[in-house]
Amino acid sequence: MTETLPVGDRPINLTQVLKLAGWSGTGGSAKIMISEGLVKVNGEIELRKRRQMQVGDRVELVDGPSLVLARL
């Protein structure tokens, strides 16, 4: 099941998305998840911690939940 994560129009990076979604308690743990290849963006493994995200991007954990970024 894919959830929707409202982010509005503000710039947001992948690390912030993982924290906002509640998938990571800290920025450090979010960065580890990304560097270990556990996060996909739009179906592809993403290794850039500071990747700038856009409304409509789909983020998922490998073998885990997924979400789509949405306007407020």
N, C-alpha and C. Protein backbone atom coordinates (compact mmCIF):
# COMPACT_ATOMS: atom_id res chain seq x y z
N MET A 1 0.85 -1.19 0.00
CA MET A 1 0.00 0.00 0.00
C MET A 1 0.89 1.24 0.00
N THR A 2 0.55 2.20 -0.83
CA THR A 2 1.33 3.43 -0.94
C THR A 2 0.62 4.55 -0.19
N GLU A 3 1.35 5.19 0.70
CA GLU A 3 0.82 6.33 1.45
C GLU A 3 1.16 7.61 0.70
N THR A 4 0.53 8.71 1.13
CA THR A 4 0.83 10.03 0.60
C THR A 4 1.47 10.84 1.71
N LEU A 5 2.57 11.51 1.38
CA LEU A 5 3.27 12.36 2.36
C LEU A 5 3.18 13.80 1.88
N PRO A 6 2.39 14.64 2.57
CA PRO A 6 2.29 16.04 2.16
C PRO A 6 3.56 16.81 2.51
N VAL A 7 4.16 17.45 1.50
CA VAL A 7 5.39 18.22 1.72
C VAL A 7 5.25 19.68 1.28
N GLY A 8 4.16 20.02 0.66
CA GLY A 8 3.97 21.40 0.22
C GLY A 8 4.90 21.76 -0.92
N ASP A 9 5.25 23.03 -1.01
CA ASP A 9 6.08 23.51 -2.11
C ASP A 9 7.52 23.78 -1.67
N ARG A 10 7.83 23.51 -0.42
CA ARG A 10 9.18 23.80 0.07
C ARG A 10 10.18 22.77 -0.44
N PRO A 11 11.43 23.17 -0.63
CA PRO A 11 12.45 22.21 -1.03
C PRO A 11 12.66 21.18 0.09
N ILE A 12 12.84 19.93 -0.29
CA ILE A 12 13.05 18.88 0.70
C ILE A 12 13.98 17.84 0.08
N ASN A 13 14.91 17.33 0.90
CA ASN A 13 15.81 16.31 0.38
C ASN A 13 15.40 14.93 0.90
N LEU A 14 16.04 13.91 0.36
CA LEU A 14 15.65 12.54 0.67
C LEU A 14 15.80 12.22 2.15
N THR A 15 16.85 12.68 2.78
CA THR A 15 17.04 12.44 4.22
C THR A 15 15.86 13.01 5.01
N GLN A 16 15.42 14.22 4.67
CA GLN A 16 14.30 14.85 5.36
C GLN A 16 13.00 14.08 5.12
N VAL A 17 12.83 13.54 3.92
CA VAL A 17 11.64 12.75 3.62
C VAL A 17 11.57 11.53 4.53
N LEU A 18 12.69 10.83 4.69
CA LEU A 18 12.71 9.63 5.53
C LEU A 18 12.38 9.97 6.98
N LYS A 19 12.88 11.10 7.47
CA LYS A 19 12.55 11.51 8.85
C LYS A 19 11.09 11.91 8.97
N LEU A 20 10.59 12.70 8.02
CA LEU A 20 9.21 13.18 8.04
C LEU A 20 8.22 12.01 7.96
N ALA A 21 8.58 11.00 7.21
CA ALA A 21 7.71 9.82 7.06
C ALA A 21 7.72 8.94 8.31
N GLY A 22 8.69 9.17 9.19
CA GLY A 22 8.79 8.35 10.39
C GLY A 22 9.54 7.05 10.16
N TRP A 23 10.21 6.94 9.02
CA TRP A 23 10.97 5.73 8.69
C TRP A 23 12.35 5.77 9.33
N SER A 24 12.77 6.94 9.77
CA SER A 24 14.07 7.11 10.39
C SER A 24 13.93 8.11 11.53
N GLY A 25 14.53 7.81 12.67
CA GLY A 25 14.43 8.70 13.82
C GLY A 25 15.37 9.89 13.75
N THR A 26 16.48 9.73 13.04
CA THR A 26 17.48 10.80 12.97
C THR A 26 18.00 10.93 11.55
N GLY A 27 18.63 12.06 11.28
CA GLY A 27 19.26 12.25 9.98
C GLY A 27 20.39 11.27 9.75
N GLY A 28 21.11 10.95 10.82
CA GLY A 28 22.22 10.01 10.71
C GLY A 28 21.75 8.62 10.30
N SER A 29 20.67 8.16 10.91
CA SER A 29 20.17 6.83 10.55
C SER A 29 19.58 6.84 9.13
N ALA A 30 18.98 7.96 8.73
CA ALA A 30 18.46 8.07 7.35
C ALA A 30 19.61 7.99 6.35
N LYS A 31 20.72 8.66 6.64
CA LYS A 31 21.88 8.62 5.75
C LYS A 31 22.44 7.21 5.64
N ILE A 32 22.45 6.47 6.74
CA ILE A 32 22.94 5.09 6.71
C ILE A 32 22.03 4.24 5.83
N MET A 33 20.72 4.40 6.00
CA MET A 33 19.77 3.63 5.18
C MET A 33 20.02 3.88 3.70
N ILE A 34 20.24 5.14 3.34
CA ILE A 34 20.46 5.51 1.95
C ILE A 34 21.78 4.92 1.46
N SER A 35 22.85 5.08 2.24
CA SER A 35 24.17 4.61 1.80
C SER A 35 24.23 3.08 1.69
N GLU A 36 23.38 2.37 2.41
CA GLU A 36 23.33 0.92 2.33
C GLU A 36 22.43 0.41 1.20
N GLY A 37 21.87 1.34 0.43
CA GLY A 37 21.06 0.96 -0.72
C GLY A 37 19.67 0.45 -0.37
N LEU A 38 19.13 0.91 0.76
CA LEU A 38 17.82 0.44 1.22
C LEU A 38 16.66 1.30 0.77
N VAL A 39 16.96 2.40 0.04
CA VAL A 39 15.92 3.35 -0.35
C VAL A 39 15.86 3.48 -1.86
N LYS A 40 14.65 3.41 -2.40
CA LYS A 40 14.44 3.62 -3.83
C LYS A 40 13.66 4.91 -4.04
N VAL A 41 13.99 5.61 -5.11
CA VAL A 41 13.22 6.79 -5.54
C VAL A 41 12.80 6.52 -6.97
N ASN A 42 11.50 6.57 -7.20
CA ASN A 42 10.94 6.32 -8.53
C ASN A 42 11.43 4.99 -9.11
N GLY A 43 11.52 3.97 -8.24
CA GLY A 43 11.85 2.63 -8.69
C GLY A 43 13.33 2.29 -8.77
N GLU A 44 14.20 3.27 -8.52
CA GLU A 44 15.65 3.05 -8.63
C GLU A 44 16.32 3.26 -7.27
N ILE A 45 17.30 2.40 -6.93
CA ILE A 45 18.06 2.60 -5.70
C ILE A 45 18.70 3.98 -5.76
N GLU A 46 18.56 4.75 -4.67
CA GLU A 46 19.12 6.10 -4.62
C GLU A 46 20.19 6.16 -3.54
N LEU A 47 21.39 6.58 -3.90
CA LEU A 47 22.50 6.67 -2.96
C LEU A 47 22.86 8.10 -2.59
N ARG A 48 22.18 9.08 -3.18
CA ARG A 48 22.46 10.49 -2.87
C ARG A 48 21.59 10.93 -1.69
N LYS A 49 22.23 11.23 -0.58
CA LYS A 49 21.52 11.61 0.63
C LYS A 49 20.79 12.95 0.49
N ARG A 50 21.37 13.84 -0.27
CA ARG A 50 20.81 15.19 -0.42
C ARG A 50 20.00 15.35 -1.70
N ARG A 51 19.58 14.25 -2.30
CA ARG A 51 18.78 14.36 -3.52
C ARG A 51 17.57 15.24 -3.26
N GLN A 52 17.36 16.23 -4.11
CA GLN A 52 16.22 17.11 -3.98
C GLN A 52 14.98 16.42 -4.53
N MET A 53 13.96 16.37 -3.72
CA MET A 53 12.74 15.65 -4.05
C MET A 53 11.70 16.61 -4.60
N GLN A 54 10.78 16.06 -5.39
CA GLN A 54 9.71 16.84 -6.00
C GLN A 54 8.36 16.20 -5.69
N VAL A 55 7.31 17.01 -5.70
CA VAL A 55 5.97 16.47 -5.56
C VAL A 55 5.76 15.46 -6.67
N GLY A 56 5.21 14.31 -6.33
CA GLY A 56 4.99 13.24 -7.29
C GLY A 56 6.04 12.14 -7.24
N ASP A 57 7.20 12.42 -6.60
CA ASP A 57 8.22 11.38 -6.47
C ASP A 57 7.71 10.27 -5.56
N ARG A 58 8.06 9.04 -5.92
CA ARG A 58 7.71 7.87 -5.12
C ARG A 58 8.95 7.40 -4.39
N VAL A 59 8.85 7.23 -3.08
CA VAL A 59 9.96 6.78 -2.24
C VAL A 59 9.53 5.47 -1.59
N GLU A 60 10.43 4.50 -1.61
CA GLU A 60 10.11 3.22 -0.98
C GLU A 60 11.34 2.62 -0.33
N LEU A 61 11.11 1.85 0.71
CA LEU A 61 12.17 1.08 1.33
C LEU A 61 12.19 -0.27 0.64
N VAL A 62 13.38 -0.81 0.42
CA VAL A 62 13.50 -2.13 -0.18
C VAL A 62 12.77 -3.12 0.72
N ASP A 63 11.84 -3.87 0.16
CA ASP A 63 11.02 -4.83 0.91
C ASP A 63 10.23 -4.17 2.04
N GLY A 64 9.83 -2.89 1.83
CA GLY A 64 9.10 -2.19 2.88
C GLY A 64 8.03 -1.28 2.33
N PRO A 65 7.63 -0.30 3.13
CA PRO A 65 6.55 0.61 2.72
C PRO A 65 7.00 1.57 1.61
N SER A 66 5.99 2.21 1.01
CA SER A 66 6.26 3.21 -0.01
C SER A 66 5.33 4.40 0.19
N LEU A 67 5.74 5.53 -0.39
CA LEU A 67 4.91 6.73 -0.30
C LEU A 67 5.14 7.59 -1.54
N VAL A 68 4.20 8.49 -1.76
CA VAL A 68 4.31 9.46 -2.85
C VAL A 68 4.23 10.84 -2.24
N LEU A 69 5.14 11.73 -2.65
CA LEU A 69 5.15 13.09 -2.13
C LEU A 69 4.02 13.88 -2.77
N ALA A 70 3.31 14.67 -1.95
CA ALA A 70 2.15 15.43 -2.43
C ALA A 70 2.17 16.84 -1.87
N ARG A 71 1.45 17.72 -2.54
CA ARG A 71 1.26 19.07 -2.00
C ARG A 71 0.37 18.99 -0.77
N LEU A 72 0.43 20.02 0.05
CA LEU A 72 -0.43 20.05 1.25
C LEU A 72 -1.88 20.14 0.88
